[in-house]
Protein backbone atom coordinates (compact mmCIF):
# COMPACT_ATOMS: atom_id res chain seq x y z
CA MET A 1 -4.59 120.31 84.93
CA THR A 2 -4.25 122.46 87.20
CA GLU A 3 -3.58 122.11 91.35
CA ASP A 4 -7.16 123.07 91.70
CA GLU A 5 -8.34 121.12 89.42
CA LEU A 6 -7.17 117.78 90.69
CA ARG A 7 -8.17 118.58 94.34
CA THR A 8 -11.88 119.17 92.91
CA LEU A 9 -11.54 115.73 90.74
CA VAL A 10 -10.20 113.80 94.29
CA ARG A 11 -12.83 115.37 96.24
CA ARG A 12 -15.59 114.44 94.28
CA ALA A 13 -14.44 111.02 94.03
CA ILE A 14 -13.93 110.23 97.32
CA ALA A 15 -17.65 112.02 98.01
CA GLN A 16 -18.97 109.17 95.67
CA VAL A 17 -17.03 106.96 97.06
CA ARG A 18 -18.63 107.78 100.68
CA GLY A 19 -22.29 108.19 99.39
CA ALA A 20 -22.15 112.11 100.05
CA SER A 21 -22.87 115.05 97.42
CA PRO A 22 -19.59 115.91 95.26
CA MET A 23 -18.96 119.11 97.20
CA ALA A 24 -19.76 118.24 100.26
CA ARG A 25 -16.64 118.41 103.19
CA SER A 26 -17.46 116.36 106.07
CA GLN A 27 -15.16 116.08 108.66
CA PRO A 28 -14.16 112.54 109.73
CA PRO A 29 -15.88 111.56 113.33
CA HIS A 30 -13.75 112.25 116.23
CA LEU A 31 -12.31 108.52 117.20
CA SER A 32 -10.88 108.19 121.10
CA HIS A 33 -7.78 106.44 121.75
CA THR A 34 -10.08 103.44 123.39
CA SER A 35 -12.26 103.12 119.71
CA HIS A 36 -9.55 100.60 118.23
CA ALA A 37 -9.18 97.22 119.90
CA SER A 38 -5.38 97.90 119.96
CA HIS A 39 -5.41 99.93 122.84
CA LEU A 40 -7.68 97.69 124.79
CA THR A 41 -6.24 96.01 127.30
CA PHE A 42 -7.13 92.50 129.26
CA MET A 43 -7.29 91.92 132.92
CA VAL A 44 -4.21 89.79 133.50
CA ALA A 45 -3.71 88.10 137.43
CA SER A 46 0.03 87.85 137.36
CA GLY A 47 3.15 88.87 139.05
CA ALA A 48 1.84 92.16 137.82
CA ASP A 49 -0.24 92.67 140.44
CA GLN A 50 2.28 92.46 143.10
CA ASP A 51 6.06 92.12 142.94
CA GLY A 52 6.47 88.74 141.02
CA PRO A 53 8.12 87.54 137.64
CA CYS A 54 7.05 89.06 134.36
CA ILE A 55 4.72 87.05 132.19
CA ILE A 56 6.42 87.69 129.13
CA GLU A 57 9.87 87.39 130.38
CA PRO A 58 9.83 85.68 133.15
CA SER A 59 13.41 85.22 134.41
CA VAL A 60 12.87 89.16 135.07
CA MET A 61 11.01 90.86 137.81
CA CYS A 62 7.61 92.82 136.45
CA ASN A 63 8.09 96.27 135.97
CA HIS A 64 4.44 96.63 135.48
CA CYS A 65 4.75 97.91 131.65
CA GLY A 66 1.41 96.36 130.92
CA TYR A 67 2.66 94.68 127.74
CA CYS A 68 1.17 91.47 128.52
CA LYS A 69 -2.18 93.24 128.84
CA SER A 70 -2.44 94.43 125.47
CA LEU A 71 -2.13 92.62 122.10
CA GLY A 72 1.38 93.68 121.66
CA HIS A 73 0.81 97.70 120.69
């Protein structure tokens, strides 16, 4: 089997799973960085709003990194 034949076979298999025609080449939809939950932030009233202690590590001052407002990503 040549490389081109293998590519055609893979494209057909993907198209069948997606429900498209075997030779259709569709582009994946453009997703914004905010479209995934790991990039959302929480509203946190804490030392981060002023110059107070860090929520994650209270022994140090908040340096406004935003880690406490995210899901850790």
